[in-house]
PDB file of N, CA and C in Angstrom:
ATOM      1  N   MET A   1      -6.548 -19.925  -2.866  1.00  0.00           N
ATOM      2  CA  MET A   1      -5.741 -19.552  -4.018  1.00  0.00           C
ATOM      3  C   MET A   1      -5.790 -18.053  -4.227  1.00  0.00           C
ATOM      4  N   ARG A   2      -4.675 -17.483  -4.561  1.00  0.00           N
ATOM      5  CA  ARG A   2      -4.609 -16.070  -4.912  1.00  0.00           C
ATOM      6  C   ARG A   2      -4.974 -15.910  -6.385  1.00  0.00           C
ATOM      7  N   GLY A   3      -5.183 -14.665  -6.818  1.00  0.00           N
ATOM      8  CA  GLY A   3      -5.611 -14.370  -8.173  1.00  0.00           C
ATOM      9  C   GLY A   3      -4.763 -15.012  -9.258  1.00  0.00           C
ATOM     10  N   SER A   4      -3.434 -14.873  -9.165  1.00  0.00           N
ATOM     11  CA  SER A   4      -2.586 -15.426 -10.220  1.00  0.00           C
ATOM     12  C   SER A   4      -2.620 -16.951 -10.220  1.00  0.00           C
ATOM     13  N   ARG A   5      -2.764 -17.540  -9.063  1.00  0.00           N
ATOM     14  CA  ARG A   5      -2.842 -19.006  -8.989  1.00  0.00           C
ATOM     15  C   ARG A   5      -4.164 -19.516  -9.544  1.00  0.00           C
ATOM     16  N   ILE A   6      -5.214 -18.753  -9.315  1.00  0.00           N
ATOM     17  CA  ILE A   6      -6.516 -19.130  -9.876  1.00  0.00           C
ATOM     18  C   ILE A   6      -6.448 -19.069 -11.395  1.00  0.00           C
ATOM     19  N   GLY A   7      -5.860 -17.993 -11.922  1.00  0.00           N
ATOM     20  CA  GLY A   7      -5.713 -17.860 -13.363  1.00  0.00           C
ATOM     21  C   GLY A   7      -4.881 -18.984 -13.947  1.00  0.00           C
ATOM     22  N   LEU A   8      -3.798 -19.346 -13.283  1.00  0.00           N
ATOM     23  CA  LEU A   8      -2.949 -20.441 -13.743  1.00  0.00           C
ATOM     24  C   LEU A   8      -3.720 -21.756 -13.725  1.00  0.00           C
ATOM     25  N   HIS A   9      -4.447 -21.999 -12.668  1.00  0.00           N
ATOM     26  CA  HIS A   9      -5.256 -23.219 -12.561  1.00  0.00           C
ATOM     27  C   HIS A   9      -6.279 -23.277 -13.702  1.00  0.00           C
ATOM     28  N   MET A  10      -6.910 -22.151 -13.984  1.00  0.00           N
ATOM     29  CA  MET A  10      -7.904 -22.107 -15.058  1.00  0.00           C
ATOM     30  C   MET A  10      -7.246 -22.339 -16.423  1.00  0.00           C
ATOM     31  N   ALA A  11      -6.062 -21.762 -16.625  1.00  0.00           N
ATOM     32  CA  ALA A  11      -5.357 -21.959 -17.890  1.00  0.00           C
ATOM     33  C   ALA A  11      -4.948 -23.422 -18.055  1.00  0.00           C
ATOM     34  N   LEU A  12      -4.501 -24.045 -16.984  1.00  0.00           N
ATOM     35  CA  LEU A  12      -4.120 -25.459 -17.052  1.00  0.00           C
ATOM     36  C   LEU A  12      -5.311 -26.356 -17.371  1.00  0.00           C
ATOM     37  N   SER A  13      -6.506 -25.916 -16.982  1.00  0.00           N
ATOM     38  CA  SER A  13      -7.701 -26.708 -17.279  1.00  0.00           C
ATOM     39  C   SER A  13      -8.311 -26.331 -18.630  1.00  0.00           C
ATOM     40  N   GLY A  14      -7.691 -25.367 -19.328  1.00  0.00           N
ATOM     41  CA  GLY A  14      -8.166 -24.976 -20.649  1.00  0.00           C
ATOM     42  C   GLY A  14      -9.292 -23.972 -20.646  1.00  0.00           C
ATOM     43  N   ALA A  15      -9.542 -23.326 -19.516  1.00  0.00           N
ATOM     44  CA  ALA A  15     -10.682 -22.424 -19.396  1.00  0.00           C
ATOM     45  C   ALA A  15     -10.374 -20.974 -19.747  1.00  0.00           C
ATOM     46  N   THR A  16      -9.094 -20.596 -19.815  1.00  0.00           N
ATOM     47  CA  THR A  16      -8.771 -19.188 -20.036  1.00  0.00           C
ATOM     48  C   THR A  16      -7.364 -19.030 -20.570  1.00  0.00           C
ATOM     49  N   LEU A  17      -7.058 -17.825 -21.018  1.00  0.00           N
ATOM     50  CA  LEU A  17      -5.701 -17.426 -21.356  1.00  0.00           C
ATOM     51  C   LEU A  17      -5.168 -16.627 -20.176  1.00  0.00           C
ATOM     52  N   ILE A  18      -3.864 -16.651 -19.980  1.00  0.00           N
ATOM     53  CA  ILE A  18      -3.255 -15.827 -18.929  1.00  0.00           C
ATOM     54  C   ILE A  18      -2.099 -15.037 -19.534  1.00  0.00           C
ATOM     55  N   TYR A  19      -1.782 -13.928 -18.917  1.00  0.00           N
ATOM     56  CA  TYR A  19      -0.617 -13.130 -19.260  1.00  0.00           C
ATOM     57  C   TYR A  19       0.363 -13.346 -18.123  1.00  0.00           C
ATOM     58  N   ALA A  20       1.513 -13.947 -18.433  1.00  0.00           N
ATOM     59  CA  ALA A  20       2.468 -14.279 -17.375  1.00  0.00           C
ATOM     60  C   ALA A  20       3.891 -14.084 -17.873  1.00  0.00           C
ATOM     61  N   ALA A  21       4.794 -13.866 -16.952  1.00  0.00           N
ATOM     62  CA  ALA A  21       6.211 -13.801 -17.297  1.00  0.00           C
ATOM     63  C   ALA A  21       6.656 -15.193 -17.741  1.00  0.00           C
ATOM     64  N   GLU A  22       7.279 -15.268 -18.905  1.00  0.00           N
ATOM     65  CA  GLU A  22       7.635 -16.571 -19.450  1.00  0.00           C
ATOM     66  C   GLU A  22       8.488 -17.427 -18.514  1.00  0.00           C
ATOM     67  N   PRO A  23       9.471 -16.852 -17.799  1.00  0.00           N
ATOM     68  CA  PRO A  23      10.255 -17.707 -16.897  1.00  0.00           C
ATOM     69  C   PRO A  23       9.404 -18.387 -15.823  1.00  0.00           C
ATOM     70  N   SER A  24       8.287 -17.760 -15.443  1.00  0.00           N
ATOM     71  CA  SER A  24       7.455 -18.348 -14.391  1.00  0.00           C
ATOM     72  C   SER A  24       6.631 -19.531 -14.874  1.00  0.00           C
ATOM     73  N   ILE A  25       6.463 -19.669 -16.184  1.00  0.00           N
ATOM     74  CA  ILE A  25       5.668 -20.777 -16.720  1.00  0.00           C
ATOM     75  C   ILE A  25       6.480 -21.652 -17.678  1.00  0.00           C
ATOM     76  N   ALA A  26       7.786 -21.398 -17.787  1.00  0.00           N
ATOM     77  CA  ALA A  26       8.632 -22.110 -18.748  1.00  0.00           C
ATOM     78  C   ALA A  26       8.552 -23.627 -18.582  1.00  0.00           C
ATOM     79  N   ALA A  27       8.561 -24.099 -17.353  1.00  0.00           N
ATOM     80  CA  ALA A  27       8.508 -25.553 -17.129  1.00  0.00           C
ATOM     81  C   ALA A  27       7.183 -26.132 -17.622  1.00  0.00           C
ATOM     82  N   LEU A  28       6.100 -25.426 -17.400  1.00  0.00           N
ATOM     83  CA  LEU A  28       4.787 -25.900 -17.842  1.00  0.00           C
ATOM     84  C   LEU A  28       4.689 -25.900 -19.363  1.00  0.00           C
ATOM     85  N   VAL A  29       5.312 -24.927 -20.002  1.00  0.00           N
ATOM     86  CA  VAL A  29       5.339 -24.894 -21.467  1.00  0.00           C
ATOM     87  C   VAL A  29       6.189 -26.048 -21.988  1.00  0.00           C
ATOM     88  N   ALA A  30       7.351 -26.273 -21.366  1.00  0.00           N
ATOM     89  CA  ALA A  30       8.238 -27.368 -21.782  1.00  0.00           C
ATOM     90  C   ALA A  30       7.564 -28.737 -21.633  1.00  0.00           C
ATOM     91  N   GLU A  31       6.741 -28.881 -20.605  1.00  0.00           N
ATOM     92  CA  GLU A  31       6.020 -30.140 -20.370  1.00  0.00           C
ATOM     93  C   GLU A  31       4.818 -30.286 -21.305  1.00  0.00           C
ATOM     94  N   GLY A  32       4.458 -29.215 -22.008  1.00  0.00           N
ATOM     95  CA  GLY A  32       3.305 -29.257 -22.885  1.00  0.00           C
ATOM     96  C   GLY A  32       1.982 -29.015 -22.182  1.00  0.00           C
ATOM     97  N   ARG A  33       2.046 -28.624 -20.929  1.00  0.00           N
ATOM     98  CA  ARG A  33       0.817 -28.368 -20.173  1.00  0.00           C
ATOM     99  C   ARG A  33       0.226 -27.003 -20.508  1.00  0.00           C
ATOM    100  N   LEU A  34       1.073 -26.071 -20.934  1.00  0.00           N
ATOM    101  CA  LEU A  34       0.647 -24.762 -21.414  1.00  0.00           C
ATOM    102  C   LEU A  34       1.354 -24.505 -22.738  1.00  0.00           C
ATOM    103  N   ARG A  35       0.804 -23.594 -23.521  1.00  0.00           N
ATOM    104  CA  ARG A  35       1.495 -23.181 -24.742  1.00  0.00           C
ATOM    105  C   ARG A  35       1.387 -21.677 -24.893  1.00  0.00           C
ATOM    106  N   VAL A  36       2.375 -21.114 -25.539  1.00  0.00           N
ATOM    107  CA  VAL A  36       2.420 -19.675 -25.743  1.00  0.00           C
ATOM    108  C   VAL A  36       1.557 -19.331 -26.951  1.00  0.00           C
ATOM    109  N   VAL A  37       0.658 -18.380 -26.773  1.00  0.00           N
ATOM    110  CA  VAL A  37      -0.177 -17.870 -27.858  1.00  0.00           C
ATOM    111  C   VAL A  37      -0.031 -16.347 -27.874  1.00  0.00           C
ATOM    112  N   LEU A  38      -0.463 -15.735 -28.945  1.00  0.00           N
ATOM    113  CA  LEU A  38      -0.382 -14.279 -29.063  1.00  0.00           C
ATOM    114  C   LEU A  38       1.034 -13.765 -28.812  1.00  0.00           C
ATOM    115  N   GLU A  39       2.012 -14.449 -29.406  1.00  0.00           N
ATOM    116  CA  GLU A  39       3.419 -14.089 -29.186  1.00  0.00           C
ATOM    117  C   GLU A  39       3.719 -12.638 -29.531  1.00  0.00           C
ATOM    118  N   GLU A  40       3.000 -12.104 -30.510  1.00  0.00           N
ATOM    119  CA  GLU A  40       3.257 -10.718 -30.916  1.00  0.00           C
ATOM    120  C   GLU A  40       2.893  -9.722 -29.814  1.00  0.00           C
ATOM    121  N   TRP A  41       2.144 -10.140 -28.810  1.00  0.00           N
ATOM    122  CA  TRP A  41       1.782  -9.276 -27.694  1.00  0.00           C
ATOM    123  C   TRP A  41       2.775  -9.386 -26.539  1.00  0.00           C
ATOM    124  N   GLY A  42       3.732 -10.284 -26.641  1.00  0.00           N
ATOM    125  CA  GLY A  42       4.708 -10.472 -25.576  1.00  0.00           C
ATOM    126  C   GLY A  42       5.714  -9.340 -25.520  1.00  0.00           C
ATOM    127  N   SER A  43       6.325  -9.195 -24.384  1.00  0.00           N
ATOM    128  CA  SER A  43       7.345  -8.169 -24.191  1.00  0.00           C
ATOM    129  C   SER A  43       8.600  -8.532 -24.969  1.00  0.00           C
ATOM    130  N   ARG A  44       9.205  -7.561 -25.581  1.00  0.00           N
ATOM    131  CA  ARG A  44      10.454  -7.773 -26.303  1.00  0.00           C
ATOM    132  C   ARG A  44      11.657  -7.431 -25.427  1.00  0.00           C
ATOM    133  N   GLY A  45      11.405  -6.889 -24.259  1.00  0.00           N
ATOM    134  CA  GLY A  45      12.480  -6.499 -23.362  1.00  0.00           C
ATOM    135  C   GLY A  45      13.096  -7.691 -22.656  1.00  0.00           C
ATOM    136  N   GLU A  46      14.225  -7.459 -22.048  1.00  0.00           N
ATOM    137  CA  GLU A  46      14.925  -8.527 -21.358  1.00  0.00           C
ATOM    138  C   GLU A  46      14.477  -8.713 -19.917  1.00  0.00           C
ATOM    139  N   ALA A  47      13.898  -7.686 -19.317  1.00  0.00           N
ATOM    140  CA  ALA A  47      13.560  -7.793 -17.897  1.00  0.00           C
ATOM    141  C   ALA A  47      12.568  -6.700 -17.506  1.00  0.00           C
ATOM    142  N   PHE A  48      12.211  -6.715 -16.250  1.00  0.00           N
ATOM    143  CA  PHE A  48      11.383  -5.658 -15.696  1.00  0.00           C
ATOM    144  C   PHE A  48      12.281  -4.489 -15.305  1.00  0.00           C
ATOM    145  N   HIS A  49      11.703  -3.305 -15.245  1.00  0.00           N
ATOM    146  CA  HIS A  49      12.449  -2.117 -14.875  1.00  0.00           C
ATOM    147  C   HIS A  49      11.670  -1.350 -13.822  1.00  0.00           C
ATOM    148  N   ILE A  50      12.408  -0.700 -12.946  1.00  0.00           N
ATOM    149  CA  ILE A  50      11.793   0.171 -11.950  1.00  0.00           C
ATOM    150  C   ILE A  50      12.222   1.597 -12.288  1.00  0.00           C
ATOM    151  N   TYR A  51      11.246   2.461 -12.474  1.00  0.00           N
ATOM    152  CA  TYR A  51      11.533   3.862 -12.748  1.00  0.00           C
ATOM    153  C   TYR A  51      11.160   4.687 -11.519  1.00  0.00           C
ATOM    154  N   TYR A  52      12.059   5.553 -11.119  1.00  0.00           N
ATOM    155  CA  TYR A  52      11.784   6.445 -10.015  1.00  0.00           C
ATOM    156  C   TYR A  52      12.453   7.774 -10.305  1.00  0.00           C
ATOM    157  N   SER A  53      12.041   8.810  -9.609  1.00  0.00           N
ATOM    158  CA  SER A  53      12.379  10.177  -9.989  1.00  0.00           C
ATOM    159  C   SER A  53      13.852  10.550  -9.851  1.00  0.00           C
ATOM    160  N   SER A  54      14.532  10.070  -8.849  1.00  0.00           N
ATOM    161  CA  SER A  54      15.901  10.523  -8.638  1.00  0.00           C
ATOM    162  C   SER A  54      16.705   9.469  -7.890  1.00  0.00           C
ATOM    163  N   ARG A  55      17.966   9.377  -8.214  1.00  0.00           N
ATOM    164  CA  ARG A  55      18.845   8.459  -7.479  1.00  0.00           C
ATOM    165  C   ARG A  55      19.396   9.118  -6.216  1.00  0.00           C
ATOM    166  N   ARG A  56      19.288  10.418  -6.144  1.00  0.00           N
ATOM    167  CA  ARG A  56      19.859  11.133  -5.002  1.00  0.00           C
ATOM    168  C   ARG A  56      19.043  10.978  -3.729  1.00  0.00           C
ATOM    169  N   GLN A  57      17.742  11.053  -3.846  1.00  0.00           N
ATOM    170  CA  GLN A  57      16.898  11.021  -2.654  1.00  0.00           C
ATOM    171  C   GLN A  57      15.886   9.881  -2.748  1.00  0.00           C
ATOM    172  N   VAL A  58      16.396   8.668  -2.857  1.00  0.00           N
ATOM    173  CA  VAL A  58      15.529   7.496  -2.942  1.00  0.00           C
ATOM    174  C   VAL A  58      15.014   7.182  -1.543  1.00  0.00           C
ATOM    175  N   PRO A  59      13.703   7.091  -1.356  1.00  0.00           N
ATOM    176  CA  PRO A  59      13.174   6.721  -0.044  1.00  0.00           C
ATOM    177  C   PRO A  59      13.748   5.374   0.399  1.00  0.00           C
ATOM    178  N   SER A  60      14.005   5.250   1.672  1.00  0.00           N
ATOM    179  CA  SER A  60      14.637   4.021   2.175  1.00  0.00           C
ATOM    180  C   SER A  60      13.796   2.779   1.870  1.00  0.00           C
ATOM    181  N   SER A  61      12.481   2.904   1.915  1.00  0.00           N
ATOM    182  CA  SER A  61      11.634   1.741   1.621  1.00  0.00           C
ATOM    183  C   SER A  61      11.796   1.297   0.163  1.00  0.00           C
ATOM    184  N   LEU A  62      11.912   2.256  -0.764  1.00  0.00           N
ATOM    185  CA  LEU A  62      12.125   1.910  -2.166  1.00  0.00           C
ATOM    186  C   LEU A  62      13.510   1.306  -2.357  1.00  0.00           C
ATOM    187  N   ARG A  63      14.510   1.841  -1.698  1.00  0.00           N
ATOM    188  CA  ARG A  63      15.872   1.298  -1.788  1.00  0.00           C
ATOM    189  C   ARG A  63      15.889  -0.149  -1.287  1.00  0.00           C
ATOM    190  N   LEU A  64      15.195  -0.430  -0.189  1.00  0.00           N
ATOM    191  CA  LEU A  64      15.130  -1.798   0.333  1.00  0.00           C
ATOM    192  C   LEU A  64      14.442  -2.738  -0.657  1.00  0.00           C
ATOM    193  N   LEU A  65      13.369  -2.274  -1.291  1.00  0.00           N
ATOM    194  CA  LEU A  65      12.670  -3.087  -2.280  1.00  0.00           C
ATOM    195  C   LEU A  65      13.580  -3.401  -3.466  1.00  0.00           C
ATOM    196  N   ILE A  66      14.264  -2.400  -3.979  1.00  0.00           N
ATOM    197  CA  ILE A  66      15.181  -2.600  -5.115  1.00  0.00           C
ATOM    198  C   ILE A  66      16.270  -3.594  -4.745  1.00  0.00           C
ATOM    199  N   ASP A  67      16.855  -3.440  -3.573  1.00  0.00           N
ATOM    200  CA  ASP A  67      17.908  -4.356  -3.129  1.00  0.00           C
ATOM    201  C   ASP A  67      17.383  -5.779  -2.974  1.00  0.00           C
ATOM    202  N   LEU A  68      16.182  -5.926  -2.436  1.00  0.00           N
ATOM    203  CA  LEU A  68      15.583  -7.250  -2.269  1.00  0.00           C
ATOM    204  C   LEU A  68      15.342  -7.918  -3.620  1.00  0.00           C
ATOM    205  N   ILE A  69      14.795  -7.171  -4.566  1.00  0.00           N
ATOM    206  CA  ILE A  69      14.544  -7.734  -5.900  1.00  0.00           C
ATOM    207  C   ILE A  69      15.855  -8.163  -6.549  1.00  0.00           C
ATOM    208  N   ARG A  70      16.889  -7.358  -6.423  1.00  0.00           N
ATOM    209  CA  ARG A  70      18.188  -7.727  -6.990  1.00  0.00           C
ATOM    210  C   ARG A  70      18.754  -8.975  -6.311  1.00  0.00           C
ATOM    211  N   GLU A  71      18.530  -9.109  -5.021  1.00  0.00           N
ATOM    212  CA  GLU A  71      19.069 -10.252  -4.282  1.00  0.00           C
ATOM    213  C   GLU A  71      18.360 -11.556  -4.604  1.00  0.00           C
ATOM    214  N   ILE A  72      17.021 -11.558  -4.600  1.00  0.00           N
ATOM    215  CA  ILE A  72      16.288 -12.823  -4.774  1.00  0.00           C
ATOM    216  C   ILE A  72      16.007 -13.156  -6.231  1.00  0.00           C
ATOM    217  N   ARG A  73      16.109 -12.175  -7.127  1.00  0.00           N
ATOM    218  CA  ARG A  73      15.900 -12.394  -8.566  1.00  0.00           C
ATOM    219  C   ARG A  73      14.682 -13.271  -8.827  1.00  0.00           C
ATOM    220  N   PRO A  74      13.489 -12.755  -8.515  1.00  0.00           N
ATOM    221  CA  PRO A  74      12.272 -13.560  -8.674  1.00  0.00           C
ATOM    222  C   PRO A  74      12.064 -14.021 -10.109  1.00  0.00           C
ATOM    223  N   MET A  75      11.578 -15.213 -10.274  1.00  0.00           N
ATOM    224  CA  MET A  75      11.258 -15.796 -11.581  1.00  0.00           C
ATOM    225  C   MET A  75      12.482 -15.888 -12.482  1.00  0.00           C
ATOM    226  N   GLY A  76      13.661 -15.936 -11.897  1.00  0.00           N
ATOM    227  CA  GLY A  76      14.871 -16.117 -12.698  1.00  0.00           C
ATOM    228  C   GLY A  76      15.418 -14.882 -13.363  1.00  0.00           C
ATOM    229  N   PHE A  77      14.849 -13.695 -13.084  1.00  0.00           N
ATOM    230  CA  PHE A  77      15.329 -12.486 -13.736  1.00  0.00           C
ATOM    231  C   PHE A  77      16.618 -12.018 -13.113  1.00  0.00           C
TER     232      PHE A  77
END
């Protein structure tokens, strides 16, 4: 198990709290297996953002990453 999966497993067993993107755990919340706590600490924004210094000289590796994220829309974003 990777770190985030371990944290999720622990949260499902009631051993810990986790900080996660709501779309990634929405089904578990809907099923009642997890519940949202500390709502006031949640993000009020609509999505994640990538900030970089300039649009003119974007390194090709960063451009590929941005394009990939836009294409696969991870976690429903």
